[in-house]
Amino acid sequence: MTTEEKRAHPRFPLVLAVDYPGGAEVVQDYTEDLSAGGLFVRTSRDFEVGAVVPLVVSFPELLEPVELITEVIWARAEGPEGPAGVALWVPPERTHERGKLRALARTASEAASAGHPTYRVLLVEDNALVAAMYTSALRRLSTVGGLGSIIIEVAHDGREALDRLFDRPPIDLVITDLFMPLMSGDELVERMRGDSRTDETPVIVISSCGPEERDRVTQLGANFFLSKPVKYQDIVATVRALLALPRTPGGENPSSGG
């Protein structure tokens, strides 16, 4: 990829799940950003520069999987610039796949530049200090992240969260811990997906649990999983993606505020 091409294809922060067809690994990788010509994937896998990498990017329940054939152009070791990962590009001759990537980049670009309605985010966390940290990150996203107004509501356990979800005005996004009193996060996700009022509300789970619990809560219907300790930029990028991407048919539009 030339310097001129990099300038012609600006990058936009967008978190998408990355799977590798035929791969035996259960844990997914995630994109950090993308452009009309390529993308950066956070991964601990060893990829050689020049290697051809087939992959599928998606956002569970919100974005249909997009298959791409990419090529590794450089790798980043974990350090001050961020987690380990690789920069991938789609060669110009793969015009059909470049069209798919261009459509994703256009979605990210429009989300970054357009005006947005007010979003309501329900944060479900029994630890007051952790809840305050997440709330601060979300407020910063609202004020300097270009996403528009975000109203943050806090519930201290799954039961309180469920009561709020069944009330008005509607919640646009749920961020929940797993281990809480009265009703756990995985039970909350299960109850949400079993009720037509909340079965399409996006859910982010943040927890320090292992791969088995992570797989279980994903199967229950969580859209995204972030492992503790979670970084500010990971929360912001994931929330931005969930609120910016179009919902599947039948989903409600974001609330109009108030």
Protein backbone atom coordinates (compact mmCIF):
# COMPACT_ATOMS: atom_id res chain seq x y z
CA MET A 1 0.00 0.00 0.00
CA THR A 2 1.51 3.32 -1.08
CA THR A 3 1.59 6.57 0.92
CA GLU A 4 -0.77 8.11 -1.64
CA GLU A 5 -3.28 5.30 -1.12
CA LYS A 6 -3.13 5.73 2.66
CA ARG A 7 -3.98 9.40 2.24
CA ALA A 8 -6.79 8.57 -0.18
CA HIS A 9 -8.41 6.17 2.30
CA PRO A 10 -8.73 7.78 5.74
CA ARG A 11 -9.23 5.38 8.64
CA PHE A 12 -12.18 5.39 11.00
CA PRO A 13 -12.38 3.73 14.45
CA LEU A 14 -14.82 0.84 14.24
CA VAL A 15 -14.84 -2.34 16.33
CA LEU A 16 -15.98 -5.47 14.48
CA ALA A 17 -15.57 -9.13 15.37
CA VAL A 18 -13.02 -11.00 13.23
CA ASP A 19 -13.19 -14.74 12.51
CA TYR A 20 -10.89 -16.87 10.39
CA PRO A 21 -12.65 -19.51 8.24
CA GLY A 22 -11.46 -22.99 9.21
CA GLY A 23 -9.63 -21.72 12.30
CA ALA A 24 -9.75 -23.86 15.43
CA GLU A 25 -9.55 -20.94 17.88
CA VAL A 26 -12.74 -20.02 19.76
CA VAL A 27 -11.73 -16.52 20.90
CA GLN A 28 -12.35 -13.86 18.27
CA ASP A 29 -10.11 -10.99 17.27
CA TYR A 30 -11.41 -7.45 16.74
CA THR A 31 -10.79 -4.61 14.34
CA GLU A 32 -9.36 -1.37 15.68
CA ASP A 33 -10.14 0.73 12.64
CA LEU A 34 -10.78 0.42 8.92
CA SER A 35 -10.68 2.32 5.66
CA ALA A 36 -11.89 1.73 2.13
CA GLY A 37 -8.62 -0.08 1.41
CA GLY A 38 -7.80 -2.02 4.55
CA LEU A 39 -8.19 -2.57 8.27
CA PHE A 40 -6.21 -3.03 11.47
CA VAL A 41 -6.92 -6.14 13.54
CA ARG A 42 -5.95 -6.54 17.18
CA THR A 43 -4.57 -10.06 17.52
CA SER A 44 -1.96 -12.12 19.35
CA ARG A 45 -1.69 -14.51 16.41
CA ASP A 46 1.58 -14.67 14.49
CA PHE A 47 1.07 -13.42 10.93
CA GLU A 48 4.00 -12.87 8.58
CA VAL A 49 4.15 -9.74 6.45
CA GLY A 50 2.92 -10.65 2.99
CA ALA A 51 0.75 -13.54 4.21
CA VAL A 52 -2.69 -13.88 2.62
CA VAL A 53 -5.37 -13.95 5.34
CA PRO A 54 -9.02 -14.87 4.60
CA LEU A 55 -11.29 -13.48 7.30
CA VAL A 56 -14.88 -12.63 8.13
CA VAL A 57 -15.83 -9.37 9.88
CA SER A 58 -19.20 -8.97 11.57
CA PHE A 59 -21.08 -7.46 14.47
CA PRO A 60 -23.26 -10.22 15.96
CA GLU A 61 -27.00 -9.63 15.43
CA LEU A 62 -26.39 -6.18 13.89
CA LEU A 63 -24.18 -6.57 10.83
CA GLU A 64 -24.21 -9.45 8.38
CA PRO A 65 -20.81 -11.21 8.07
CA VAL A 66 -18.54 -9.77 5.38
CA GLU A 67 -15.95 -12.13 3.86
CA LEU A 68 -12.62 -10.62 2.80
CA ILE A 69 -9.32 -11.88 1.39
CA THR A 70 -6.61 -9.66 2.86
CA GLU A 71 -2.84 -9.37 2.91
CA VAL A 72 -0.62 -8.48 5.90
CA ILE A 73 1.35 -5.28 5.26
CA TRP A 74 2.84 -4.66 8.72
CA ALA A 75 2.61 -5.86 12.32
CA ARG A 76 2.52 -3.98 15.63
CA ALA A 77 3.96 -5.43 18.84
CA GLU A 78 2.14 -4.70 22.09
CA GLY A 79 3.39 -1.43 23.56
CA PRO A 80 2.58 2.26 24.11
CA GLU A 81 0.77 2.48 20.77
CA GLY A 82 -1.70 -0.21 21.78
CA PRO A 83 -2.24 -3.98 21.83
CA ALA A 84 -0.52 -6.28 19.35
CA GLY A 85 -2.06 -6.47 15.90
CA VAL A 86 -1.63 -6.45 12.15
CA ALA A 87 -2.48 -4.02 9.37
CA LEU A 88 -4.23 -5.72 6.46
CA TRP A 89 -5.20 -4.45 3.05
CA VAL A 90 -7.40 -5.70 0.24
CA PRO A 91 -5.40 -5.55 -3.02
CA PRO A 92 -6.91 -3.20 -5.66
CA GLU A 93 -7.61 -6.03 -8.09
CA ARG A 94 -10.14 -7.50 -5.63
CA THR A 95 -12.73 -4.92 -6.63
CA HIS A 96 -15.77 -6.75 -5.23
CA GLU A 97 -14.24 -7.14 -1.77
CA ARG A 98 -12.98 -3.57 -1.83
CA GLY A 99 -16.57 -2.55 -2.46
CA LYS A 100 -17.64 -4.37 0.72
CA LEU A 101 -14.92 -2.65 2.74
CA ARG A 102 -15.80 0.72 1.20
CA ALA A 103 -19.40 0.29 2.35
CA LEU A 104 -18.25 -0.41 5.92
CA ALA A 105 -15.93 2.62 5.84
CA ARG A 106 -18.78 4.77 4.53
CA THR A 107 -20.95 3.68 7.49
CA ALA A 108 -18.17 4.68 9.90
CA SER A 109 -17.57 7.98 8.11
CA GLU A 110 -21.24 8.94 8.12
CA ALA A 111 -21.50 8.04 11.79
CA ALA A 112 -18.53 10.27 12.59
CA SER A 113 -19.81 13.30 10.67
CA ALA A 114 -23.61 13.21 10.91
CA GLY A 115 -25.79 14.56 13.68
CA HIS A 116 -27.26 11.99 16.02
CA PRO A 117 -30.27 11.76 18.30
CA THR A 118 -30.01 11.24 22.02
CA TYR A 119 -29.04 7.72 23.06
CA ARG A 120 -29.93 6.09 26.36
CA VAL A 121 -27.34 3.68 27.76
CA LEU A 122 -28.13 1.45 30.75
CA LEU A 123 -25.02 0.59 32.77
CA VAL A 124 -25.50 -2.46 35.01
CA GLU A 125 -22.74 -2.64 37.63
CA ASP A 126 -22.86 -3.27 41.40
CA ASN A 127 -19.46 -1.68 42.10
CA ALA A 128 -19.99 2.08 42.48
CA LEU A 129 -16.37 2.96 41.65
CA VAL A 130 -16.35 0.89 38.46
CA ALA A 131 -19.73 2.33 37.46
CA ALA A 132 -18.35 5.85 37.92
CA MET A 133 -15.34 5.04 35.71
CA TYR A 134 -17.51 3.65 32.90
CA THR A 135 -19.91 6.59 33.20
CA SER A 136 -17.01 9.02 32.86
CA ALA A 137 -15.83 7.25 29.69
CA LEU A 138 -19.32 7.37 28.17
CA ARG A 139 -19.76 11.03 29.00
CA ARG A 140 -16.46 11.80 27.35
CA LEU A 141 -17.64 9.95 24.26
CA SER A 142 -20.76 12.10 24.28
CA THR A 143 -18.92 15.42 24.67
CA VAL A 144 -15.78 14.94 22.58
CA GLY A 145 -16.43 11.73 20.63
CA GLY A 146 -18.76 13.26 18.07
CA LEU A 147 -21.55 10.76 18.71
CA GLY A 148 -24.15 13.16 20.04
CA SER A 149 -25.94 13.19 23.37
CA ILE A 150 -25.73 10.09 25.58
CA ILE A 151 -27.89 9.73 28.68
CA ILE A 152 -26.38 7.20 31.11
CA GLU A 153 -28.60 5.39 33.59
CA VAL A 154 -27.18 3.02 36.23
CA ALA A 155 -28.72 -0.17 37.66
CA HIS A 156 -26.96 -2.07 40.46
CA ASP A 157 -28.06 -5.60 39.55
CA GLY A 158 -29.84 -7.53 36.82
CA ARG A 159 -33.27 -7.35 38.46
CA GLU A 160 -33.15 -3.56 38.71
CA ALA A 161 -31.92 -3.41 35.11
CA LEU A 162 -34.78 -5.59 33.86
CA ASP A 163 -37.35 -3.38 35.60
CA ARG A 164 -35.86 -0.33 33.89
CA LEU A 165 -35.74 -2.03 30.49
CA PHE A 166 -39.45 -2.75 30.63
CA ASP A 167 -40.17 0.92 31.41
CA ARG A 168 -40.18 3.99 29.16
CA PRO A 169 -38.40 5.71 27.45
CA PRO A 170 -36.62 2.78 25.72
CA ILE A 171 -32.96 1.94 26.33
CA ASP A 172 -30.71 1.88 23.25
CA LEU A 173 -27.76 -0.05 24.70
CA VAL A 174 -27.02 -2.16 27.80
CA ILE A 175 -23.53 -2.50 29.29
CA THR A 176 -23.44 -5.13 32.03
CA ASP A 177 -21.13 -6.95 34.40
CA LEU A 178 -21.72 -10.69 34.91
CA PHE A 179 -21.26 -11.27 38.62
CA MET A 180 -23.88 -9.31 40.58
CA PRO A 181 -26.32 -9.97 43.44
CA LEU A 182 -30.04 -10.78 42.97
CA MET A 183 -29.73 -11.37 39.22
CA SER A 184 -26.48 -12.03 37.36
CA GLY A 185 -25.51 -10.54 34.02
CA ASP A 186 -25.92 -13.79 32.11
CA GLU A 187 -29.44 -14.25 33.49
CA LEU A 188 -30.19 -10.65 32.52
CA VAL A 189 -29.06 -11.33 28.94
CA GLU A 190 -31.12 -14.52 28.82
CA ARG A 191 -34.24 -12.75 30.11
CA MET A 192 -33.74 -9.89 27.65
CA ARG A 193 -33.46 -12.20 24.67
CA GLY A 194 -36.59 -14.07 25.76
CA ASP A 195 -38.79 -10.96 25.74
CA SER A 196 -39.96 -9.22 22.56
CA ARG A 197 -39.53 -5.81 24.22
CA THR A 198 -35.78 -6.29 24.64
CA ASP A 199 -34.77 -9.11 22.31
CA GLU A 200 -33.02 -6.72 19.89
CA THR A 201 -31.51 -4.27 22.39
CA PRO A 202 -27.70 -4.41 21.96
CA VAL A 203 -25.75 -5.75 24.95
CA ILE A 204 -22.07 -5.38 25.85
CA VAL A 205 -20.77 -7.66 28.62
CA ILE A 206 -17.67 -6.60 30.56
CA SER A 207 -16.16 -9.29 32.78
CA SER A 208 -12.96 -11.00 33.92
CA CYS A 209 -14.39 -14.50 33.40
CA GLY A 210 -12.76 -17.17 31.26
CA PRO A 211 -13.47 -18.43 27.72
CA GLU A 212 -16.20 -20.89 28.75
CA GLU A 213 -18.35 -18.24 30.42
CA ARG A 214 -17.60 -15.88 27.56
CA ASP A 215 -18.88 -18.43 25.04
CA ARG A 216 -21.95 -19.09 27.19
CA VAL A 217 -23.00 -15.44 27.45
CA THR A 218 -22.38 -14.99 23.71
CA GLN A 219 -24.66 -17.95 22.99
CA LEU A 220 -27.28 -16.40 25.27
CA GLY A 221 -27.32 -13.35 23.01
CA ALA A 222 -24.71 -10.80 24.10
CA ASN A 223 -23.55 -8.76 21.11
CA PHE A 224 -20.05 -8.06 22.39
CA PHE A 225 -17.71 -9.12 25.19
CA LEU A 226 -14.90 -7.00 26.66
CA SER A 227 -12.41 -8.58 29.08
CA LYS A 228 -11.35 -6.80 32.27
CA PRO A 229 -9.24 -4.80 32.77
CA VAL A 230 -10.92 -2.89 29.95
CA LYS A 231 -9.35 0.22 28.43
CA TYR A 232 -11.17 3.49 27.82
CA GLN A 233 -10.62 3.32 24.06
CA ASP A 234 -12.12 -0.19 23.92
CA ILE A 235 -15.32 0.93 25.67
CA VAL A 236 -15.59 4.01 23.45
CA ALA A 237 -14.93 2.18 20.18
CA THR A 238 -17.36 -0.63 20.98
CA VAL A 239 -20.15 1.69 22.13
CA ARG A 240 -19.64 3.90 19.09
CA ALA A 241 -19.94 0.90 16.79
CA LEU A 242 -23.05 -0.48 18.47
CA LEU A 243 -24.86 2.87 18.42
CA ALA A 244 -23.74 3.82 14.91
CA LEU A 245 -24.39 0.61 13.00
CA PRO A 246 -27.90 0.12 11.59
CA ARG A 247 -30.16 -2.24 13.49
CA THR A 248 -31.53 -5.41 12.00
CA PRO A 249 -35.05 -5.14 10.52
CA GLY A 250 -37.65 -4.74 13.23
CA GLY A 251 -35.32 -3.02 15.72
CA GLU A 252 -36.38 0.27 17.26
CA ASN A 253 -34.73 3.53 16.32
CA PRO A 254 -32.70 5.31 18.99
CA SER A 255 -34.79 7.26 21.45
CA SER A 256 -35.49 10.87 20.69
CA GLY A 257 -34.35 11.92 24.16
CA GLY A 258 -36.20 13.49 27.02
